[in-house]
């Protein structure tokens, strides 16, 4: 089995990550807004139930990397993995990154899926 160490992202990958993150976040927040619209248009719930459900969701969602991210180079690979786990991006979104980064992230994401799929 290939051993993967969490290492710092390369300069080229870091530059690309900084370019892509605003686009990824905008798409993710659009997805969240659409989910909020569905929540708010549920005719079977009261206005207060919708309000408090929405308030809870926004409070949870605002902490996700698809919404707010620290943008620290040493944490970039971890952030990419969290973006994938939260559904903000997919492995396909990494196609412009180095093979090394793609392999590292793919390995960790697949390992995590195996560990949590029981």
PDB file of N, CA and C in Angstrom:
ATOM      1  N   UNK A   1       0.847  -1.183   0.000  1.00  0.00           N
ATOM      2  CA  UNK A   1       0.000   0.000   0.000  1.00  0.00           C
ATOM      3  C   UNK A   1       0.891   1.245   0.000  1.00  0.00           C
ATOM      4  N   UNK A   2       0.553   2.193  -0.821  1.00  0.00           N
ATOM      5  CA  UNK A   2       1.310   3.432  -0.935  1.00  0.00           C
ATOM      6  C   UNK A   2       1.093   4.282   0.315  1.00  0.00           C
ATOM      7  N   UNK A   3       2.198   4.732   0.889  1.00  0.00           N
ATOM      8  CA  UNK A   3       2.083   5.592   2.065  1.00  0.00           C
ATOM      9  C   UNK A   3       1.975   7.040   1.614  1.00  0.00           C
ATOM     10  N   UNK A   4       0.967   7.709   2.084  1.00  0.00           N
ATOM     11  CA  UNK A   4       0.749   9.113   1.741  1.00  0.00           C
ATOM     12  C   UNK A   4       0.988   9.958   2.981  1.00  0.00           C
ATOM     13  N   UNK A   5       1.867  10.915   2.866  1.00  0.00           N
ATOM     14  CA  UNK A   5       2.105  11.847   3.948  1.00  0.00           C
ATOM     15  C   UNK A   5       1.453  13.170   3.579  1.00  0.00           C
ATOM     16  N   UNK A   6       0.855  13.826   4.572  1.00  0.00           N
ATOM     17  CA  UNK A   6       0.303  15.150   4.325  1.00  0.00           C
ATOM     18  C   UNK A   6       1.471  16.103   4.183  1.00  0.00           C
ATOM     19  N   UNK A   7       1.653  16.605   3.013  1.00  0.00           N
ATOM     20  CA  UNK A   7       2.723  17.569   2.804  1.00  0.00           C
ATOM     21  C   UNK A   7       2.127  18.867   2.331  1.00  0.00           C
ATOM     22  N   UNK A   8       2.953  19.866   2.306  1.00  0.00           N
ATOM     23  CA  UNK A   8       2.468  21.171   1.889  1.00  0.00           C
ATOM     24  C   UNK A   8       2.224  21.177   0.379  1.00  0.00           C
ATOM     25  N   UNK A   9       1.247  21.896  -0.015  1.00  0.00           N
ATOM     26  CA  UNK A   9       0.871  22.034  -1.415  1.00  0.00           C
ATOM     27  C   UNK A   9       1.998  22.759  -2.175  1.00  0.00           C
ATOM     28  N   UNK A  10       2.211  22.390  -3.434  1.00  0.00           N
ATOM     29  CA  UNK A  10       3.248  23.044  -4.239  1.00  0.00           C
ATOM     30  C   UNK A  10       2.853  24.498  -4.530  1.00  0.00           C
ATOM     31  N   UNK A  11       3.827  25.296  -4.932  1.00  0.00           N
ATOM     32  CA  UNK A  11       3.554  26.700  -5.252  1.00  0.00           C
ATOM     33  C   UNK A  11       2.549  26.821  -6.392  1.00  0.00           C
ATOM     34  N   UNK A  12       2.718  26.004  -7.432  1.00  0.00           N
ATOM     35  CA  UNK A  12       1.800  26.066  -8.581  1.00  0.00           C
ATOM     36  C   UNK A  12       0.384  25.659  -8.177  1.00  0.00           C
ATOM     37  N   UNK A  13       0.272  24.596  -7.374  1.00  0.00           N
ATOM     38  CA  UNK A  13      -1.049  24.161  -6.911  1.00  0.00           C
ATOM     39  C   UNK A  13      -1.671  25.185  -5.970  1.00  0.00           C
ATOM     40  N   UNK A  14      -0.861  25.820  -5.139  1.00  0.00           N
ATOM     41  CA  UNK A  14      -1.352  26.843  -4.231  1.00  0.00           C
ATOM     42  C   UNK A  14      -1.923  28.024  -5.010  1.00  0.00           C
ATOM     43  N   UNK A  15      -1.198  28.439  -6.050  1.00  0.00           N
ATOM     44  CA  UNK A  15      -1.668  29.542  -6.884  1.00  0.00           C
ATOM     45  C   UNK A  15      -3.003  29.177  -7.541  1.00  0.00           C
ATOM     46  N   UNK A  16      -3.092  27.967  -8.075  1.00  0.00           N
ATOM     47  CA  UNK A  16      -4.322  27.517  -8.720  1.00  0.00           C
ATOM     48  C   UNK A  16      -5.468  27.410  -7.708  1.00  0.00           C
ATOM     49  N   UNK A  17      -5.170  26.910  -6.527  1.00  0.00           N
ATOM     50  CA  UNK A  17      -6.178  26.803  -5.470  1.00  0.00           C
ATOM     51  C   UNK A  17      -6.747  28.180  -5.134  1.00  0.00           C
ATOM     52  N   UNK A  18      -5.873  29.166  -4.993  1.00  0.00           N
ATOM     53  CA  UNK A  18      -6.333  30.535  -4.682  1.00  0.00           C
ATOM     54  C   UNK A  18      -7.186  31.100  -5.809  1.00  0.00           C
ATOM     55  N   UNK A  19      -6.934  30.725  -7.041  1.00  0.00           N
ATOM     56  CA  UNK A  19      -7.749  31.181  -8.169  1.00  0.00           C
ATOM     57  C   UNK A  19      -9.115  30.498  -8.197  1.00  0.00           C
ATOM     58  N   UNK A  20      -9.136  29.223  -7.853  1.00  0.00           N
ATOM     59  CA  UNK A  20     -10.370  28.437  -7.968  1.00  0.00           C
ATOM     60  C   UNK A  20     -11.305  28.565  -6.773  1.00  0.00           C
ATOM     61  N   UNK A  21     -10.774  28.808  -5.591  1.00  0.00           N
ATOM     62  CA  UNK A  21     -11.619  28.779  -4.391  1.00  0.00           C
ATOM     63  C   UNK A  21     -12.781  29.762  -4.453  1.00  0.00           C
ATOM     64  N   UNK A  22     -12.623  30.988  -4.963  1.00  0.00           N
ATOM     65  CA  UNK A  22     -13.800  31.874  -5.017  1.00  0.00           C
ATOM     66  C   UNK A  22     -14.910  31.325  -5.920  1.00  0.00           C
ATOM     67  N   UNK A  23     -14.535  30.702  -7.015  1.00  0.00           N
ATOM     68  CA  UNK A  23     -15.521  30.112  -7.932  1.00  0.00           C
ATOM     69  C   UNK A  23     -16.199  28.920  -7.265  1.00  0.00           C
ATOM     70  N   UNK A  24     -15.408  28.058  -6.640  1.00  0.00           N
ATOM     71  CA  UNK A  24     -15.971  26.904  -5.948  1.00  0.00           C
ATOM     72  C   UNK A  24     -16.931  27.342  -4.848  1.00  0.00           C
ATOM     73  N   UNK A  25     -16.532  28.349  -4.094  1.00  0.00           N
ATOM     74  CA  UNK A  25     -17.394  28.820  -3.010  1.00  0.00           C
ATOM     75  C   UNK A  25     -18.684  29.425  -3.550  1.00  0.00           C
ATOM     76  N   UNK A  26     -18.587  30.163  -4.619  1.00  0.00           N
ATOM     77  CA  UNK A  26     -19.796  30.765  -5.204  1.00  0.00           C
ATOM     78  C   UNK A  26     -20.769  29.681  -5.659  1.00  0.00           C
ATOM     79  N   UNK A  27     -20.255  28.638  -6.312  1.00  0.00           N
ATOM     80  CA  UNK A  27     -21.120  27.531  -6.742  1.00  0.00           C
ATOM     81  C   UNK A  27     -21.734  26.811  -5.541  1.00  0.00           C
ATOM     82  N   UNK A  28     -20.933  26.601  -4.520  1.00  0.00           N
ATOM     83  CA  UNK A  28     -21.431  25.921  -3.325  1.00  0.00           C
ATOM     84  C   UNK A  28     -22.518  26.739  -2.633  1.00  0.00           C
ATOM     85  N   UNK A  29     -22.295  28.045  -2.513  1.00  0.00           N
ATOM     86  CA  UNK A  29     -23.296  28.890  -1.869  1.00  0.00           C
ATOM     87  C   UNK A  29     -24.564  28.978  -2.706  1.00  0.00           C
ATOM     88  N   UNK A  30     -24.439  28.918  -4.019  1.00  0.00           N
ATOM     89  CA  UNK A  30     -25.634  28.878  -4.877  1.00  0.00           C
ATOM     90  C   UNK A  30     -26.426  27.605  -4.596  1.00  0.00           C
ATOM     91  N   UNK A  31     -25.724  26.498  -4.430  1.00  0.00           N
ATOM     92  CA  UNK A  31     -26.381  25.229  -4.083  1.00  0.00           C
ATOM     93  C   UNK A  31     -27.105  25.360  -2.738  1.00  0.00           C
ATOM     94  N   UNK A  32     -26.440  25.975  -1.767  1.00  0.00           N
ATOM     95  CA  UNK A  32     -27.076  26.170  -0.465  1.00  0.00           C
ATOM     96  C   UNK A  32     -28.310  27.052  -0.575  1.00  0.00           C
ATOM     97  N   UNK A  33     -28.220  28.122  -1.341  1.00  0.00           N
ATOM     98  CA  UNK A  33     -29.358  29.030  -1.517  1.00  0.00           C
ATOM     99  C   UNK A  33     -30.544  28.275  -2.120  1.00  0.00           C
ATOM    100  N   UNK A  34     -30.288  27.411  -3.085  1.00  0.00           N
ATOM    101  CA  UNK A  34     -31.372  26.626  -3.683  1.00  0.00           C
ATOM    102  C   UNK A  34     -32.007  25.694  -2.644  1.00  0.00           C
ATOM    103  N   UNK A  35     -31.183  25.126  -1.773  1.00  0.00           N
ATOM    104  CA  UNK A  35     -31.723  24.289  -0.691  1.00  0.00           C
ATOM    105  C   UNK A  35     -32.561  25.126   0.270  1.00  0.00           C
ATOM    106  N   UNK A  36     -32.131  26.351   0.542  1.00  0.00           N
ATOM    107  CA  UNK A  36     -32.896  27.237   1.423  1.00  0.00           C
ATOM    108  C   UNK A  36     -34.234  27.609   0.787  1.00  0.00           C
ATOM    109  N   UNK A  37     -34.239  27.828  -0.523  1.00  0.00           N
ATOM    110  CA  UNK A  37     -35.488  28.154  -1.228  1.00  0.00           C
ATOM    111  C   UNK A  37     -36.478  27.011  -1.072  1.00  0.00           C
ATOM    112  N   UNK A  38     -36.010  25.789  -1.246  1.00  0.00           N
ATOM    113  CA  UNK A  38     -36.886  24.619  -1.088  1.00  0.00           C
ATOM    114  C   UNK A  38     -37.426  24.571   0.342  1.00  0.00           C
ATOM    115  N   UNK A  39     -36.555  24.808   1.293  1.00  0.00           N
ATOM    116  CA  UNK A  39     -36.975  24.819   2.693  1.00  0.00           C
ATOM    117  C   UNK A  39     -38.039  25.887   2.940  1.00  0.00           C
ATOM    118  N   UNK A  40     -37.827  27.073   2.386  1.00  0.00           N
ATOM    119  CA  UNK A  40     -38.743  28.190   2.625  1.00  0.00           C
ATOM    120  C   UNK A  40     -40.070  28.073   1.878  1.00  0.00           C
ATOM    121  N   UNK A  41     -40.119  27.283   0.844  1.00  0.00           N
ATOM    122  CA  UNK A  41     -41.362  27.150   0.073  1.00  0.00           C
ATOM    123  C   UNK A  41     -42.144  25.893   0.439  1.00  0.00           C
ATOM    124  N   UNK A  42     -41.748  25.227   1.513  1.00  0.00           N
ATOM    125  CA  UNK A  42     -42.454  24.032   1.984  1.00  0.00           C
ATOM    126  C   UNK A  42     -43.798  24.462   2.578  1.00  0.00           C
ATOM    127  N   UNK A  43     -44.882  24.152   1.884  1.00  0.00           N
ATOM    128  CA  UNK A  43     -46.214  24.575   2.302  1.00  0.00           C
ATOM    129  C   UNK A  43     -46.727  23.817   3.531  1.00  0.00           C
ATOM    130  N   UNK A  44     -46.060  22.729   3.883  1.00  0.00           N
ATOM    131  CA  UNK A  44     -46.495  21.937   5.037  1.00  0.00           C
ATOM    132  C   UNK A  44     -45.904  22.418   6.359  1.00  0.00           C
ATOM    133  N   UNK A  45     -45.034  23.433   6.309  1.00  0.00           N
ATOM    134  CA  UNK A  45     -44.411  23.936   7.535  1.00  0.00           C
ATOM    135  C   UNK A  45     -44.874  25.358   7.821  1.00  0.00           C
ATOM    136  N   UNK A  46     -44.907  25.682   9.095  1.00  0.00           N
ATOM    137  CA  UNK A  46     -45.279  27.041   9.495  1.00  0.00           C
ATOM    138  C   UNK A  46     -44.118  28.001   9.223  1.00  0.00           C
ATOM    139  N   UNK A  47     -44.430  29.270   9.182  1.00  0.00           N
ATOM    140  CA  UNK A  47     -43.399  30.286   8.955  1.00  0.00           C
ATOM    141  C   UNK A  47     -42.325  30.214  10.046  1.00  0.00           C
ATOM    142  N   UNK A  48     -42.750  30.027  11.282  1.00  0.00           N
ATOM    143  CA  UNK A  48     -41.768  29.966  12.373  1.00  0.00           C
ATOM    144  C   UNK A  48     -40.867  28.731  12.243  1.00  0.00           C
ATOM    145  N   UNK A  49     -41.447  27.608  11.843  1.00  0.00           N
ATOM    146  CA  UNK A  49     -40.646  26.391  11.658  1.00  0.00           C
ATOM    147  C   UNK A  49     -39.621  26.601  10.543  1.00  0.00           C
ATOM    148  N   UNK A  50     -40.044  27.239   9.463  1.00  0.00           N
ATOM    149  CA  UNK A  50     -39.124  27.532   8.358  1.00  0.00           C
ATOM    150  C   UNK A  50     -38.012  28.456   8.821  1.00  0.00           C
ATOM    151  N   UNK A  51     -38.389  29.496   9.540  1.00  0.00           N
ATOM    152  CA  UNK A  51     -37.424  30.484  10.017  1.00  0.00           C
ATOM    153  C   UNK A  51     -36.349  29.823  10.875  1.00  0.00           C
ATOM    154  N   UNK A  52     -36.775  29.037  11.878  1.00  0.00           N
ATOM    155  CA  UNK A  52     -35.809  28.457  12.806  1.00  0.00           C
ATOM    156  C   UNK A  52     -34.977  27.361  12.141  1.00  0.00           C
ATOM    157  N   UNK A  53     -35.572  26.644  11.213  1.00  0.00           N
ATOM    158  CA  UNK A  53     -34.802  25.642  10.469  1.00  0.00           C
ATOM    159  C   UNK A  53     -33.748  26.325   9.604  1.00  0.00           C
ATOM    160  N   UNK A  54     -34.153  27.396   8.948  1.00  0.00           N
ATOM    161  CA  UNK A  54     -33.212  28.145   8.113  1.00  0.00           C
ATOM    162  C   UNK A  54     -32.093  28.741   8.962  1.00  0.00           C
ATOM    163  N   UNK A  55     -32.450  29.295  10.097  1.00  0.00           N
ATOM    164  CA  UNK A  55     -31.443  29.894  10.981  1.00  0.00           C
ATOM    165  C   UNK A  55     -30.418  28.845  11.411  1.00  0.00           C
ATOM    166  N   UNK A  56     -30.880  27.665  11.753  1.00  0.00           N
ATOM    167  CA  UNK A  56     -29.984  26.572  12.159  1.00  0.00           C
ATOM    168  C   UNK A  56     -29.086  26.153  11.008  1.00  0.00           C
ATOM    169  N   UNK A  57     -29.665  25.997   9.825  1.00  0.00           N
ATOM    170  CA  UNK A  57     -28.880  25.601   8.650  1.00  0.00           C
ATOM    171  C   UNK A  57     -27.800  26.614   8.318  1.00  0.00           C
ATOM    172  N   UNK A  58     -28.156  27.886   8.332  1.00  0.00           N
ATOM    173  CA  UNK A  58     -27.168  28.925   8.007  1.00  0.00           C
ATOM    174  C   UNK A  58     -26.049  28.921   9.045  1.00  0.00           C
ATOM    175  N   UNK A  59     -26.401  28.756  10.291  1.00  0.00           N
ATOM    176  CA  UNK A  59     -25.396  28.718  11.355  1.00  0.00           C
ATOM    177  C   UNK A  59     -24.425  27.562  11.136  1.00  0.00           C
ATOM    178  N   UNK A  60     -24.925  26.401  10.709  1.00  0.00           N
ATOM    179  CA  UNK A  60     -24.076  25.245  10.430  1.00  0.00           C
ATOM    180  C   UNK A  60     -23.277  25.449   9.141  1.00  0.00           C
ATOM    181  N   UNK A  61     -23.953  25.918   8.099  1.00  0.00           N
ATOM    182  CA  UNK A  61     -23.325  26.036   6.780  1.00  0.00           C
ATOM    183  C   UNK A  61     -22.229  27.095   6.741  1.00  0.00           C
ATOM    184  N   UNK A  62     -22.355  28.141   7.518  1.00  0.00           N
ATOM    185  CA  UNK A  62     -21.377  29.229   7.456  1.00  0.00           C
ATOM    186  C   UNK A  62     -20.000  28.811   7.934  1.00  0.00           C
ATOM    187  N   UNK A  63     -19.898  27.686   8.622  1.00  0.00           N
ATOM    188  CA  UNK A  63     -18.609  27.182   9.122  1.00  0.00           C
ATOM    189  C   UNK A  63     -17.929  26.235   8.140  1.00  0.00           C
ATOM    190  N   UNK A  64     -18.609  25.885   7.076  1.00  0.00           N
ATOM    191  CA  UNK A  64     -18.054  24.937   6.107  1.00  0.00           C
ATOM    192  C   UNK A  64     -17.071  25.652   5.179  1.00  0.00           C
ATOM    193  N   UNK A  65     -16.047  24.929   4.707  1.00  0.00           N
ATOM    194  CA  UNK A  65     -15.047  25.561   3.840  1.00  0.00           C
ATOM    195  C   UNK A  65     -15.607  26.033   2.505  1.00  0.00           C
ATOM    196  N   UNK A  66     -16.758  25.514   2.105  1.00  0.00           N
ATOM    197  CA  UNK A  66     -17.389  26.005   0.885  1.00  0.00           C
ATOM    198  C   UNK A  66     -17.932  27.410   1.044  1.00  0.00           C
ATOM    199  N   UNK A  67     -18.016  27.872   2.291  1.00  0.00           N
ATOM    200  CA  UNK A  67     -18.507  29.217   2.600  1.00  0.00           C
ATOM    201  C   UNK A  67     -17.376  30.085   3.144  1.00  0.00           C
ATOM    202  N   UNK A  68     -16.651  29.578   4.112  1.00  0.00           N
ATOM    203  CA  UNK A  68     -15.600  30.339   4.781  1.00  0.00           C
ATOM    204  C   UNK A  68     -14.365  29.458   4.926  1.00  0.00           C
ATOM    205  N   UNK A  69     -13.228  29.967   4.498  1.00  0.00           N
ATOM    206  CA  UNK A  69     -11.995  29.185   4.545  1.00  0.00           C
ATOM    207  C   UNK A  69     -10.852  30.092   4.962  1.00  0.00           C
ATOM    208  N   UNK A  70      -9.896  29.535   5.676  1.00  0.00           N
ATOM    209  CA  UNK A  70      -8.805  30.350   6.220  1.00  0.00           C
ATOM    210  C   UNK A  70      -7.738  30.710   5.188  1.00  0.00           C
ATOM    211  N   UNK A  71      -7.608  29.940   4.131  1.00  0.00           N
ATOM    212  CA  UNK A  71      -6.628  30.183   3.062  1.00  0.00           C
ATOM    213  C   UNK A  71      -5.197  30.226   3.608  1.00  0.00           C
ATOM    214  N   UNK A  72      -4.823  29.184   4.307  1.00  0.00           N
ATOM    215  CA  UNK A  72      -3.446  29.030   4.764  1.00  0.00           C
ATOM    216  C   UNK A  72      -2.809  27.900   3.982  1.00  0.00           C
ATOM    217  N   UNK A  73      -1.680  28.166   3.397  1.00  0.00           N
ATOM    218  CA  UNK A  73      -1.017  27.193   2.536  1.00  0.00           C
ATOM    219  C   UNK A  73      -0.796  25.834   3.215  1.00  0.00           C
ATOM    220  N   UNK A  74      -0.347  25.787   4.472  1.00  0.00           N
ATOM    221  CA  UNK A  74      -0.139  24.477   5.100  1.00  0.00           C
ATOM    222  C   UNK A  74      -1.422  23.650   5.257  1.00  0.00           C
ATOM    223  N   UNK A  75      -2.577  24.295   5.182  1.00  0.00           N
ATOM    224  CA  UNK A  75      -3.857  23.598   5.366  1.00  0.00           C
ATOM    225  C   UNK A  75      -4.601  23.351   4.055  1.00  0.00           C
ATOM    226  N   UNK A  76      -4.007  23.686   2.933  1.00  0.00           N
ATOM    227  CA  UNK A  76      -4.712  23.633   1.649  1.00  0.00           C
ATOM    228  C   UNK A  76      -5.178  22.228   1.283  1.00  0.00           C
ATOM    229  N   UNK A  77      -4.344  21.226   1.452  1.00  0.00           N
ATOM    230  CA  UNK A  77      -4.757  19.862   1.098  1.00  0.00           C
ATOM    231  C   UNK A  77      -5.892  19.411   2.000  1.00  0.00           C
ATOM    232  N   UNK A  78      -5.786  19.691   3.289  1.00  0.00           N
ATOM    233  CA  UNK A  78      -6.872  19.355   4.218  1.00  0.00           C
ATOM    234  C   UNK A  78      -8.155  20.087   3.820  1.00  0.00           C
ATOM    235  N   UNK A  79      -8.029  21.349   3.419  1.00  0.00           N
ATOM    236  CA  UNK A  79      -9.195  22.121   3.003  1.00  0.00           C
ATOM    237  C   UNK A  79      -9.836  21.537   1.751  1.00  0.00           C
ATOM    238  N   UNK A  80      -9.016  21.103   0.802  1.00  0.00           N
ATOM    239  CA  UNK A  80      -9.542  20.485  -0.419  1.00  0.00           C
ATOM    240  C   UNK A  80     -10.315  19.225  -0.066  1.00  0.00           C
ATOM    241  N   UNK A  81      -9.780  18.428   0.829  1.00  0.00           N
ATOM    242  CA  UNK A  81     -10.464  17.197   1.255  1.00  0.00           C
ATOM    243  C   UNK A  81     -11.788  17.533   1.939  1.00  0.00           C
ATOM    244  N   UNK A  82     -11.794  18.562   2.774  1.00  0.00           N
ATOM    245  CA  UNK A  82     -13.036  18.974   3.432  1.00  0.00           C
ATOM    246  C   UNK A  82     -14.054  19.494   2.419  1.00  0.00           C
ATOM    247  N   UNK A  83     -13.590  20.214   1.406  1.00  0.00           N
ATOM    248  CA  UNK A  83     -14.489  20.699   0.349  1.00  0.00           C
ATOM    249  C   UNK A  83     -15.145  19.521  -0.373  1.00  0.00           C
ATOM    250  N   UNK A  84     -14.378  18.475  -0.602  1.00  0.00           N
ATOM    251  CA  UNK A  84     -14.924  17.281  -1.253  1.00  0.00           C
ATOM    252  C   UNK A  84     -15.924  16.594  -0.332  1.00  0.00           C
ATOM    253  N   UNK A  85     -15.559  16.419   0.933  1.00  0.00           N
ATOM    254  CA  UNK A  85     -16.469  15.763   1.891  1.00  0.00           C
ATOM    255  C   UNK A  85     -17.786  16.522   2.049  1.00  0.00           C
ATOM    256  N   UNK A  86     -17.735  17.838   1.971  1.00  0.00           N
ATOM    257  CA  UNK A  86     -18.947  18.658   2.113  1.00  0.00           C
ATOM    258  C   UNK A  86     -19.742  18.775   0.813  1.00  0.00           C
ATOM    259  N   UNK A  87     -19.215  18.255  -0.282  1.00  0.00           N
ATOM    260  CA  UNK A  87     -19.919  18.334  -1.554  1.00  0.00           C
ATOM    261  C   UNK A  87     -19.749  19.663  -2.276  1.00  0.00           C
ATOM    262  N   UNK A  88     -18.795  20.474  -1.834  1.00  0.00           N
ATOM    263  CA  UNK A  88     -18.558  21.758  -2.497  1.00  0.00           C
ATOM    264  C   UNK A  88     -17.834  21.560  -3.831  1.00  0.00           C
ATOM    265  N   UNK A  89     -16.970  20.546  -3.892  1.00  0.00           N
ATOM    266  CA  UNK A  89     -16.265  20.202  -5.129  1.00  0.00           C
ATOM    267  C   UNK A  89     -16.207  18.684  -5.234  1.00  0.00           C
ATOM    268  N   UNK A  90     -15.734  18.212  -6.375  1.00  0.00           N
ATOM    269  CA  UNK A  90     -15.533  16.780  -6.573  1.00  0.00           C
ATOM    270  C   UNK A  90     -14.080  16.548  -6.981  1.00  0.00           C
ATOM    271  N   UNK A  91     -13.688  15.303  -7.031  1.00  0.00           N
ATOM    272  CA  UNK A  91     -12.333  14.981  -7.491  1.00  0.00           C
ATOM    273  C   UNK A  91     -12.106  15.495  -8.906  1.00  0.00           C
ATOM    274  N   UNK A  92     -13.146  15.524  -9.718  1.00  0.00           N
ATOM    275  CA  UNK A  92     -13.054  16.033 -11.092  1.00  0.00           C
ATOM    276  C   UNK A  92     -12.629  17.503 -11.115  1.00  0.00           C
ATOM    277  N   UNK A  93     -12.987  18.252 -10.106  1.00  0.00           N
ATOM    278  CA  UNK A  93     -12.612  19.672 -10.036  1.00  0.00           C
ATOM    279  C   UNK A  93     -11.113  19.874  -9.854  1.00  0.00           C
ATOM    280  N   UNK A  94     -10.393  18.806  -9.566  1.00  0.00           N
ATOM    281  CA  UNK A  94      -8.946  18.906  -9.342  1.00  0.00           C
ATOM    282  C   UNK A  94      -8.130  18.574 -10.593  1.00  0.00           C
ATOM    283  N   UNK A  95      -8.790  18.413 -11.726  1.00  0.00           N
ATOM    284  CA  UNK A  95      -8.103  17.952 -12.946  1.00  0.00           C
ATOM    285  C   UNK A  95      -6.982  18.876 -13.411  1.00  0.00           C
ATOM    286  N   UNK A  96      -7.013  20.148 -13.057  1.00  0.00           N
ATOM    287  CA  UNK A  96      -5.966  21.086 -13.471  1.00  0.00           C
ATOM    288  C   UNK A  96      -4.787  21.123 -12.498  1.00  0.00           C
ATOM    289  N   UNK A  97      -4.903  20.425 -11.395  1.00  0.00           N
ATOM    290  CA  UNK A  97      -3.844  20.405 -10.392  1.00  0.00           C
ATOM    291  C   UNK A  97      -2.807  19.336 -10.735  1.00  0.00           C
ATOM    292  N   UNK A  98      -1.688  19.372 -10.030  1.00  0.00           N
ATOM    293  CA  UNK A  98      -0.614  18.405 -10.283  1.00  0.00           C
ATOM    294  C   UNK A  98      -1.098  16.984 -10.014  1.00  0.00           C
ATOM    295  N   UNK A  99      -0.449  16.032 -10.676  1.00  0.00           N
ATOM    296  CA  UNK A  99      -0.762  14.621 -10.449  1.00  0.00           C
ATOM    297  C   UNK A  99      -0.530  14.255  -8.987  1.00  0.00           C
ATOM    298  N   UNK A 100       0.521  14.813  -8.390  1.00  0.00           N
ATOM    299  CA  UNK A 100       0.844  14.518  -7.001  1.00  0.00           C
ATOM    300  C   UNK A 100      -0.303  14.926  -6.075  1.00  0.00           C
ATOM    301  N   UNK A 101      -0.827  16.124  -6.256  1.00  0.00           N
ATOM    302  CA  UNK A 101      -1.938  16.579  -5.425  1.00  0.00           C
ATOM    303  C   UNK A 101      -3.175  15.718  -5.669  1.00  0.00           C
ATOM    304  N   UNK A 102      -3.480  15.444  -6.926  1.00  0.00           N
ATOM    305  CA  UNK A 102      -4.653  14.627  -7.243  1.00  0.00           C
ATOM    306  C   UNK A 102      -4.545  13.233  -6.616  1.00  0.00           C
ATOM    307  N   UNK A 103      -3.372  12.623  -6.718  1.00  0.00           N
ATOM    308  CA  UNK A 103      -3.177  11.285  -6.143  1.00  0.00           C
ATOM    309  C   UNK A 103      -3.317  11.310  -4.627  1.00  0.00           C
ATOM    310  N   UNK A 104      -2.723  12.312  -3.993  1.00  0.00           N
ATOM    311  CA  UNK A 104      -2.794  12.425  -2.536  1.00  0.00           C
ATOM    312  C   UNK A 104      -4.240  12.592  -2.079  1.00  0.00           C
ATOM    313  N   UNK A 105      -4.947  13.513  -2.689  1.00  0.00           N
ATOM    314  CA  UNK A 105      -6.330  13.784  -2.298  1.00  0.00           C
ATOM    315  C   UNK A 105      -7.218  12.574  -2.594  1.00  0.00           C
ATOM    316  N   UNK A 106      -7.056  11.976  -3.767  1.00  0.00           N
ATOM    317  CA  UNK A 106      -7.859  10.797  -4.130  1.00  0.00           C
ATOM    318  C   UNK A 106      -7.641   9.668  -3.136  1.00  0.00           C
ATOM    319  N   UNK A 107      -6.397   9.420  -2.791  1.00  0.00           N
ATOM    320  CA  UNK A 107      -6.091   8.359  -1.836  1.00  0.00           C
ATOM    321  C   UNK A 107      -6.778   8.615  -0.495  1.00  0.00           C
ATOM    322  N   UNK A 108      -6.655   9.827   0.013  1.00  0.00           N
ATOM    323  CA  UNK A 108      -7.228  10.147   1.327  1.00  0.00           C
ATOM    324  C   UNK A 108      -8.753  10.100   1.293  1.00  0.00           C
ATOM    325  N   UNK A 109      -9.356  10.650   0.248  1.00  0.00           N
ATOM    326  CA  UNK A 109     -10.819  10.638   0.133  1.00  0.00           C
ATOM    327  C   UNK A 109     -11.334   9.206   0.044  1.00  0.00           C
ATOM    328  N   UNK A 110     -10.686   8.380  -0.766  1.00  0.00           N
ATOM    329  CA  UNK A 110     -11.117   6.982  -0.894  1.00  0.00           C
ATOM    330  C   UNK A 110     -10.900   6.210   0.400  1.00  0.00           C
ATOM    331  N   UNK A 111      -9.802   6.474   1.082  1.00  0.00           N
ATOM    332  CA  UNK A 111      -9.533   5.833   2.377  1.00  0.00           C
ATOM    333  C   UNK A 111     -10.613   6.209   3.379  1.00  0.00           C
ATOM    334  N   UNK A 112     -10.959   7.495   3.414  1.00  0.00           N
ATOM    335  CA  UNK A 112     -11.983   7.965   4.341  1.00  0.00           C
ATOM    336  C   UNK A 112     -13.332   7.339   4.031  1.00  0.00           C
ATOM    337  N   UNK A 113     -13.658   7.199   2.755  1.00  0.00           N
ATOM    338  CA  UNK A 113     -14.944   6.585   2.376  1.00  0.00           C
ATOM    339  C   UNK A 113     -15.000   5.141   2.833  1.00  0.00           C
ATOM    340  N   UNK A 114     -13.876   4.428   2.725  1.00  0.00           N
ATOM    341  CA  UNK A 114     -13.840   3.032   3.169  1.00  0.00           C
ATOM    342  C   UNK A 114     -13.988   2.940   4.690  1.00  0.00           C
ATOM    343  N   UNK A 115     -13.350   3.853   5.406  1.00  0.00           N
ATOM    344  CA  UNK A 115     -13.411   3.826   6.860  1.00  0.00           C
ATOM    345  C   UNK A 115     -14.794   4.163   7.389  1.00  0.00           C
ATOM    346  N   UNK A 116     -15.547   4.996   6.658  1.00  0.00           N
ATOM    347  CA  UNK A 116     -16.836   5.450   7.160  1.00  0.00           C
ATOM    348  C   UNK A 116     -18.035   4.793   6.486  1.00  0.00           C
ATOM    349  N   UNK A 117     -17.798   3.820   5.636  1.00  0.00           N
ATOM    350  CA  UNK A 117     -18.924   3.187   4.946  1.00  0.00           C
ATOM    351  C   UNK A 117     -19.163   1.789   5.503  1.00  0.00           C
ATOM    352  N   UNK A 118     -19.764   1.752   6.671  1.00  0.00           N
ATOM    353  CA  UNK A 118     -20.122   0.465   7.264  1.00  0.00           C
ATOM    354  C   UNK A 118     -21.470   0.497   7.786  1.00  0.00           C
TER     355      UNK A 118
END
